[in-house]
Amino acid sequence: MEDKWLNSLITKDAQDGYELAIKLSRMAIKFTQPSEEIRNKIRPEYASNAQNLIASSQVVATNFNTVALANNFWKD
């Protein structure tokens, strides 16, 4: 596991914020299932399931909302 990969939720703009939201989502999976072998084994099962893909998009959206709030929606 990476050490201290999350230094801040503050980003320079919405694009960077969205990329951070994706990173947060991916890291949650990595922490929940630390075995790369198992993650790779089950990936085909969820990668072709529309409901699973929608659920993962919802997780990213929730994380993006968190990052956007932390950045005061990138307003000065």
PDB file of N, CA and C in Angstrom:
ATOM      1  N   MET A   1       0.831  -1.171   0.000  1.00  0.00           N
ATOM      2  CA  MET A   1       0.000   0.000   0.000  1.00  0.00           C
ATOM      3  C   MET A   1       0.887   1.251   0.000  1.00  0.00           C
ATOM      4  N   GLU A   2       0.442   2.231  -0.716  1.00  0.00           N
ATOM      5  CA  GLU A   2       1.202   3.478  -0.788  1.00  0.00           C
ATOM      6  C   GLU A   2       1.128   4.216   0.546  1.00  0.00           C
ATOM      7  N   ASP A   3       2.213   4.864   0.925  1.00  0.00           N
ATOM      8  CA  ASP A   3       2.225   5.657   2.145  1.00  0.00           C
ATOM      9  C   ASP A   3       1.738   7.065   1.858  1.00  0.00           C
ATOM     10  N   LYS A   4       0.831   7.544   2.646  1.00  0.00           N
ATOM     11  CA  LYS A   4       0.375   8.937   2.607  1.00  0.00           C
ATOM     12  C   LYS A   4       0.198   9.476   1.196  1.00  0.00           C
ATOM     13  N   TRP A   5      -0.630   8.834   0.409  1.00  0.00           N
ATOM     14  CA  TRP A   5      -0.847   9.251  -0.976  1.00  0.00           C
ATOM     15  C   TRP A   5      -1.813  10.433  -1.069  1.00  0.00           C
ATOM     16  N   LEU A   6      -2.605  10.652  -0.038  1.00  0.00           N
ATOM     17  CA  LEU A   6      -3.583  11.742  -0.080  1.00  0.00           C
ATOM     18  C   LEU A   6      -3.107  12.885   0.802  1.00  0.00           C
ATOM     19  N   ASN A   7      -2.540  13.897   0.162  1.00  0.00           N
ATOM     20  CA  ASN A   7      -2.017  15.037   0.906  1.00  0.00           C
ATOM     21  C   ASN A   7      -3.073  16.097   1.150  1.00  0.00           C
ATOM     22  N   SER A   8      -4.030  16.206   0.243  1.00  0.00           N
ATOM     23  CA  SER A   8      -5.036  17.260   0.346  1.00  0.00           C
ATOM     24  C   SER A   8      -6.176  16.968  -0.617  1.00  0.00           C
ATOM     25  N   LEU A   9      -7.339  17.502  -0.310  1.00  0.00           N
ATOM     26  CA  LEU A   9      -8.464  17.458  -1.243  1.00  0.00           C
ATOM     27  C   LEU A   9      -8.502  18.700  -2.120  1.00  0.00           C
ATOM     28  N   ILE A  10      -7.622  19.635  -1.862  1.00  0.00           N
ATOM     29  CA  ILE A  10      -7.589  20.883  -2.620  1.00  0.00           C
ATOM     30  C   ILE A  10      -6.921  20.640  -3.980  1.00  0.00           C
ATOM     31  N   THR A  11      -7.594  21.069  -5.042  1.00  0.00           N
ATOM     32  CA  THR A  11      -7.075  20.923  -6.394  1.00  0.00           C
ATOM     33  C   THR A  11      -7.151  22.273  -7.095  1.00  0.00           C
ATOM     34  N   LYS A  12      -6.409  22.408  -8.201  1.00  0.00           N
ATOM     35  CA  LYS A  12      -6.384  23.705  -8.879  1.00  0.00           C
ATOM     36  C   LYS A  12      -7.644  23.989  -9.687  1.00  0.00           C
ATOM     37  N   ASP A  13      -8.325  22.923 -10.148  1.00  0.00           N
ATOM     38  CA  ASP A  13      -9.527  23.137 -10.958  1.00  0.00           C
ATOM     39  C   ASP A  13     -10.405  21.888 -10.923  1.00  0.00           C
ATOM     40  N   ALA A  14     -11.552  21.978 -11.575  1.00  0.00           N
ATOM     41  CA  ALA A  14     -12.518  20.886 -11.561  1.00  0.00           C
ATOM     42  C   ALA A  14     -11.968  19.613 -12.214  1.00  0.00           C
ATOM     43  N   GLN A  15     -11.198  19.754 -13.283  1.00  0.00           N
ATOM     44  CA  GLN A  15     -10.630  18.571 -13.940  1.00  0.00           C
ATOM     45  C   GLN A  15      -9.740  17.794 -12.985  1.00  0.00           C
ATOM     46  N   ASP A  16      -8.850  18.505 -12.295  1.00  0.00           N
ATOM     47  CA  ASP A  16      -7.998  17.841 -11.313  1.00  0.00           C
ATOM     48  C   ASP A  16      -8.833  17.269 -10.176  1.00  0.00           C
ATOM     49  N   GLY A  17      -9.901  17.966  -9.820  1.00  0.00           N
ATOM     50  CA  GLY A  17     -10.802  17.473  -8.780  1.00  0.00           C
ATOM     51  C   GLY A  17     -11.467  16.173  -9.175  1.00  0.00           C
ATOM     52  N   TYR A  18     -11.886  16.084 -10.427  1.00  0.00           N
ATOM     53  CA  TYR A  18     -12.524  14.867 -10.912  1.00  0.00           C
ATOM     54  C   TYR A  18     -11.523  13.708 -10.940  1.00  0.00           C
ATOM     55  N   GLU A  19     -10.302  13.995 -11.366  1.00  0.00           N
ATOM     56  CA  GLU A  19      -9.275  12.964 -11.372  1.00  0.00           C
ATOM     57  C   GLU A  19      -8.957  12.493  -9.955  1.00  0.00           C
ATOM     58  N   LEU A  20      -8.991  13.409  -9.001  1.00  0.00           N
ATOM     59  CA  LEU A  20      -8.798  13.019  -7.605  1.00  0.00           C
ATOM     60  C   LEU A  20      -9.960  12.151  -7.134  1.00  0.00           C
ATOM     61  N   ALA A  21     -11.174  12.472  -7.548  1.00  0.00           N
ATOM     62  CA  ALA A  21     -12.341  11.668  -7.175  1.00  0.00           C
ATOM     63  C   ALA A  21     -12.197  10.236  -7.689  1.00  0.00           C
ATOM     64  N   ILE A  22     -11.694  10.095  -8.895  1.00  0.00           N
ATOM     65  CA  ILE A  22     -11.465   8.755  -9.443  1.00  0.00           C
ATOM     66  C   ILE A  22     -10.402   8.032  -8.627  1.00  0.00           C
ATOM     67  N   LYS A  23      -9.340   8.739  -8.288  1.00  0.00           N
ATOM     68  CA  LYS A  23      -8.257   8.149  -7.486  1.00  0.00           C
ATOM     69  C   LYS A  23      -8.787   7.707  -6.121  1.00  0.00           C
ATOM     70  N   LEU A  24      -9.615   8.545  -5.493  1.00  0.00           N
ATOM     71  CA  LEU A  24     -10.206   8.182  -4.206  1.00  0.00           C
ATOM     72  C   LEU A  24     -11.018   6.896  -4.335  1.00  0.00           C
ATOM     73  N   SER A  25     -11.782   6.802  -5.402  1.00  0.00           N
ATOM     74  CA  SER A  25     -12.626   5.632  -5.629  1.00  0.00           C
ATOM     75  C   SER A  25     -11.775   4.377  -5.843  1.00  0.00           C
ATOM     76  N   ARG A  26     -10.745   4.510  -6.643  1.00  0.00           N
ATOM     77  CA  ARG A  26      -9.881   3.364  -6.918  1.00  0.00           C
ATOM     78  C   ARG A  26      -9.118   2.923  -5.667  1.00  0.00           C
ATOM     79  N   MET A  27      -8.677   3.885  -4.882  1.00  0.00           N
ATOM     80  CA  MET A  27      -7.942   3.550  -3.668  1.00  0.00           C
ATOM     81  C   MET A  27      -8.848   2.868  -2.645  1.00  0.00           C
ATOM     82  N   ALA A  28     -10.123   3.241  -2.617  1.00  0.00           N
ATOM     83  CA  ALA A  28     -11.062   2.573  -1.710  1.00  0.00           C
ATOM     84  C   ALA A  28     -11.145   1.085  -2.033  1.00  0.00           C
ATOM     85  N   ILE A  29     -11.176   0.758  -3.323  1.00  0.00           N
ATOM     86  CA  ILE A  29     -11.201  -0.643  -3.737  1.00  0.00           C
ATOM     87  C   ILE A  29      -9.901  -1.333  -3.343  1.00  0.00           C
ATOM     88  N   LYS A  30      -8.799  -0.648  -3.561  1.00  0.00           N
ATOM     89  CA  LYS A  30      -7.484  -1.217  -3.242  1.00  0.00           C
ATOM     90  C   LYS A  30      -7.338  -1.492  -1.748  1.00  0.00           C
ATOM     91  N   PHE A  31      -7.862  -0.590  -0.916  1.00  0.00           N
ATOM     92  CA  PHE A  31      -7.791  -0.802   0.533  1.00  0.00           C
ATOM     93  C   PHE A  31      -8.763  -1.890   0.974  1.00  0.00           C
ATOM     94  N   THR A  32      -9.924  -1.954   0.321  1.00  0.00           N
ATOM     95  CA  THR A  32     -10.929  -2.952   0.678  1.00  0.00           C
ATOM     96  C   THR A  32     -10.485  -4.348   0.269  1.00  0.00           C
ATOM     97  N   GLN A  33      -9.901  -4.473  -0.926  1.00  0.00           N
ATOM     98  CA  GLN A  33      -9.392  -5.752  -1.413  1.00  0.00           C
ATOM     99  C   GLN A  33      -7.924  -5.553  -1.793  1.00  0.00           C
ATOM    100  N   PRO A  34      -7.020  -5.737  -0.837  1.00  0.00           N
ATOM    101  CA  PRO A  34      -5.610  -5.455  -1.100  1.00  0.00           C
ATOM    102  C   PRO A  34      -4.935  -6.422  -2.074  1.00  0.00           C
ATOM    103  N   SER A  35      -5.538  -7.557  -2.350  1.00  0.00           N
ATOM    104  CA  SER A  35      -4.915  -8.528  -3.252  1.00  0.00           C
ATOM    105  C   SER A  35      -5.129  -8.131  -4.710  1.00  0.00           C
ATOM    106  N   GLU A  36      -4.045  -7.759  -5.383  1.00  0.00           N
ATOM    107  CA  GLU A  36      -4.140  -7.407  -6.800  1.00  0.00           C
ATOM    108  C   GLU A  36      -4.593  -8.619  -7.618  1.00  0.00           C
ATOM    109  N   GLU A  37      -4.162  -9.785  -7.225  1.00  0.00           N
ATOM    110  CA  GLU A  37      -4.544 -11.010  -7.932  1.00  0.00           C
ATOM    111  C   GLU A  37      -6.067 -11.208  -7.897  1.00  0.00           C
ATOM    112  N   ILE A  38      -6.652 -11.020  -6.741  1.00  0.00           N
ATOM    113  CA  ILE A  38      -8.110 -11.182  -6.621  1.00  0.00           C
ATOM    114  C   ILE A  38      -8.829 -10.077  -7.382  1.00  0.00           C
ATOM    115  N   ARG A  39      -8.356  -8.831  -7.277  1.00  0.00           N
ATOM    116  CA  ARG A  39      -8.989  -7.735  -8.020  1.00  0.00           C
ATOM    117  C   ARG A  39      -8.971  -8.019  -9.517  1.00  0.00           C
ATOM    118  N   ASN A  40      -7.842  -8.495 -10.026  1.00  0.00           N
ATOM    119  CA  ASN A  40      -7.740  -8.815 -11.450  1.00  0.00           C
ATOM    120  C   ASN A  40      -8.644  -9.977 -11.835  1.00  0.00           C
ATOM    121  N   LYS A  41      -8.812 -10.935 -10.933  1.00  0.00           N
ATOM    122  CA  LYS A  41      -9.648 -12.098 -11.207  1.00  0.00           C
ATOM    123  C   LYS A  41     -11.129 -11.716 -11.313  1.00  0.00           C
ATOM    124  N   ILE A  42     -11.589 -10.818 -10.453  1.00  0.00           N
ATOM    125  CA  ILE A  42     -13.019 -10.474 -10.453  1.00  0.00           C
ATOM    126  C   ILE A  42     -13.370  -9.323 -11.387  1.00  0.00           C
ATOM    127  N   ARG A  43     -12.358  -8.616 -11.892  1.00  0.00           N
ATOM    128  CA  ARG A  43     -12.608  -7.474 -12.770  1.00  0.00           C
ATOM    129  C   ARG A  43     -13.510  -7.808 -13.960  1.00  0.00           C
ATOM    130  N   PRO A  44     -13.293  -8.928 -14.676  1.00  0.00           N
ATOM    131  CA  PRO A  44     -14.174  -9.225 -15.818  1.00  0.00           C
ATOM    132  C   PRO A  44     -15.651  -9.370 -15.429  1.00  0.00           C
ATOM    133  N   GLU A  45     -15.905  -9.827 -14.202  1.00  0.00           N
ATOM    134  CA  GLU A  45     -17.291 -10.000 -13.747  1.00  0.00           C
ATOM    135  C   GLU A  45     -18.020  -8.665 -13.645  1.00  0.00           C
ATOM    136  N   TYR A  46     -17.364  -7.672 -13.073  1.00  0.00           N
ATOM    137  CA  TYR A  46     -18.057  -6.382 -12.920  1.00  0.00           C
ATOM    138  C   TYR A  46     -17.869  -5.467 -14.120  1.00  0.00           C
ATOM    139  N   ALA A  47     -16.834  -5.687 -14.905  1.00  0.00           N
ATOM    140  CA  ALA A  47     -16.570  -4.807 -16.047  1.00  0.00           C
ATOM    141  C   ALA A  47     -17.614  -4.930 -17.140  1.00  0.00           C
ATOM    142  N   SER A  48     -18.319  -6.040 -17.177  1.00  0.00           N
ATOM    143  CA  SER A  48     -19.342  -6.236 -18.210  1.00  0.00           C
ATOM    144  C   SER A  48     -20.757  -6.184 -17.647  1.00  0.00           C
ATOM    145  N   ASN A  49     -20.900  -5.696 -16.432  1.00  0.00           N
ATOM    146  CA  ASN A  49     -22.201  -5.616 -15.781  1.00  0.00           C
ATOM    147  C   ASN A  49     -22.614  -4.154 -15.652  1.00  0.00           C
ATOM    148  N   ALA A  50     -23.672  -3.774 -16.350  1.00  0.00           N
ATOM    149  CA  ALA A  50     -24.102  -2.371 -16.372  1.00  0.00           C
ATOM    150  C   ALA A  50     -24.413  -1.836 -14.980  1.00  0.00           C
ATOM    151  N   GLN A  51     -25.059  -2.624 -14.152  1.00  0.00           N
ATOM    152  CA  GLN A  51     -25.391  -2.162 -12.799  1.00  0.00           C
ATOM    153  C   GLN A  51     -24.137  -1.885 -11.981  1.00  0.00           C
ATOM    154  N   ASN A  52     -23.140  -2.721 -12.130  1.00  0.00           N
ATOM    155  CA  ASN A  52     -21.885  -2.506 -11.410  1.00  0.00           C
ATOM    156  C   ASN A  52     -21.165  -1.261 -11.911  1.00  0.00           C
ATOM    157  N   LEU A  53     -21.198  -1.039 -13.217  1.00  0.00           N
ATOM    158  CA  LEU A  53     -20.551   0.153 -13.774  1.00  0.00           C
ATOM    159  C   LEU A  53     -21.267   1.424 -13.326  1.00  0.00           C
ATOM    160  N   ILE A  54     -22.596   1.377 -13.274  1.00  0.00           N
ATOM    161  CA  ILE A  54     -23.361   2.523 -12.779  1.00  0.00           C
ATOM    162  C   ILE A  54     -23.031   2.770 -11.307  1.00  0.00           C
ATOM    163  N   ALA A  55     -22.940   1.711 -10.531  1.00  0.00           N
ATOM    164  CA  ALA A  55     -22.604   1.858  -9.107  1.00  0.00           C
ATOM    165  C   ALA A  55     -21.226   2.482  -8.929  1.00  0.00           C
ATOM    166  N   SER A  56     -20.265   2.086  -9.754  1.00  0.00           N
ATOM    167  CA  SER A  56     -18.929   2.676  -9.630  1.00  0.00           C
ATOM    168  C   SER A  56     -18.949   4.147 -10.023  1.00  0.00           C
ATOM    169  N   SER A  57     -19.769   4.496 -11.016  1.00  0.00           N
ATOM    170  CA  SER A  57     -19.918   5.911 -11.394  1.00  0.00           C
ATOM    171  C   SER A  57     -20.528   6.715 -10.257  1.00  0.00           C
ATOM    172  N   GLN A  58     -21.445   6.115  -9.521  1.00  0.00           N
ATOM    173  CA  GLN A  58     -22.053   6.800  -8.379  1.00  0.00           C
ATOM    174  C   GLN A  58     -21.029   7.057  -7.279  1.00  0.00           C
ATOM    175  N   VAL A  59     -20.127   6.121  -7.073  1.00  0.00           N
ATOM    176  CA  VAL A  59     -19.068   6.305  -6.076  1.00  0.00           C
ATOM    177  C   VAL A  59     -18.158   7.459  -6.485  1.00  0.00           C
ATOM    178  N   VAL A  60     -17.785   7.507  -7.758  1.00  0.00           N
ATOM    179  CA  VAL A  60     -16.951   8.609  -8.253  1.00  0.00           C
ATOM    180  C   VAL A  60     -17.690   9.928  -8.073  1.00  0.00           C
ATOM    181  N   ALA A  61     -18.989   9.957  -8.389  1.00  0.00           N
ATOM    182  CA  ALA A  61     -19.778  11.189  -8.242  1.00  0.00           C
ATOM    183  C   ALA A  61     -19.810  11.644  -6.788  1.00  0.00           C
ATOM    184  N   THR A  62     -19.969  10.725  -5.868  1.00  0.00           N
ATOM    185  CA  THR A  62     -19.967  11.072  -4.443  1.00  0.00           C
ATOM    186  C   THR A  62     -18.615  11.649  -4.040  1.00  0.00           C
ATOM    187  N   ASN A  63     -17.542  11.012  -4.497  1.00  0.00           N
ATOM    188  CA  ASN A  63     -16.203  11.529  -4.180  1.00  0.00           C
ATOM    189  C   ASN A  63     -15.956  12.884  -4.838  1.00  0.00           C
ATOM    190  N   PHE A  64     -16.456  13.070  -6.055  1.00  0.00           N
ATOM    191  CA  PHE A  64     -16.298  14.371  -6.717  1.00  0.00           C
ATOM    192  C   PHE A  64     -17.050  15.449  -5.941  1.00  0.00           C
ATOM    193  N   ASN A  65     -18.217  15.131  -5.435  1.00  0.00           N
ATOM    194  CA  ASN A  65     -18.961  16.090  -4.620  1.00  0.00           C
ATOM    195  C   ASN A  65     -18.150  16.496  -3.390  1.00  0.00           C
ATOM    196  N   THR A  66     -17.523  15.525  -2.756  1.00  0.00           N
ATOM    197  CA  THR A  66     -16.690  15.806  -1.586  1.00  0.00           C
ATOM    198  C   THR A  66     -15.526  16.730  -1.942  1.00  0.00           C
ATOM    199  N   VAL A  67     -14.855  16.426  -3.043  1.00  0.00           N
ATOM    200  CA  VAL A  67     -13.715  17.251  -3.475  1.00  0.00           C
ATOM    201  C   VAL A  67     -14.199  18.648  -3.863  1.00  0.00           C
ATOM    202  N   ALA A  68     -15.312  18.735  -4.575  1.00  0.00           N
ATOM    203  CA  ALA A  68     -15.852  20.039  -4.980  1.00  0.00           C
ATOM    204  C   ALA A  68     -16.192  20.890  -3.760  1.00  0.00           C
ATOM    205  N   LEU A  69     -16.798  20.288  -2.758  1.00  0.00           N
ATOM    206  CA  LEU A  69     -17.105  21.034  -1.532  1.00  0.00           C
ATOM    207  C   LEU A  69     -15.834  21.506  -0.843  1.00  0.00           C
ATOM    208  N   ALA A  70     -14.823  20.655  -0.791  1.00  0.00           N
ATOM    209  CA  ALA A  70     -13.554  21.034  -0.163  1.00  0.00           C
ATOM    210  C   ALA A  70     -12.892  22.190  -0.884  1.00  0.00           C
ATOM    211  N   ASN A  71     -13.164  22.302  -2.175  1.00  0.00           N
ATOM    212  CA  ASN A  71     -12.578  23.366  -2.989  1.00  0.00           C
ATOM    213  C   ASN A  71     -13.508  24.552  -3.179  1.00  0.00           C
ATOM    214  N   ASN A  72     -14.589  24.548  -2.415  1.00  0.00           N
ATOM    215  CA  ASN A  72     -15.586  25.620  -2.544  1.00  0.00           C
ATOM    216  C   ASN A  72     -15.982  25.808  -4.010  1.00  0.00           C
ATOM    217  N   PHE A  73     -16.115  24.659  -4.695  1.00  0.00           N
ATOM    218  CA  PHE A  73     -16.520  24.624  -6.104  1.00  0.00           C
ATOM    219  C   PHE A  73     -15.611  25.479  -6.981  1.00  0.00           C
ATOM    220  N   TRP A  74     -14.345  25.585  -6.627  1.00  0.00           N
ATOM    221  CA  TRP A  74     -13.315  26.283  -7.397  1.00  0.00           C
ATOM    222  C   TRP A  74     -13.627  27.761  -7.614  1.00  0.00           C
ATOM    223  N   LYS A  75     -14.363  28.330  -6.664  1.00  0.00           N
ATOM    224  CA  LYS A  75     -14.637  29.766  -6.704  1.00  0.00           C
ATOM    225  C   LYS A  75     -13.613  30.479  -5.854  1.00  0.00           C
ATOM    226  N   ASP A  76     -13.315  31.687  -6.246  1.00  0.00           N
ATOM    227  CA  ASP A  76     -12.410  32.517  -5.431  1.00  0.00           C
ATOM    228  C   ASP A  76     -13.135  33.092  -4.247  1.00  0.00           C
TER     229      ASP A  76
END
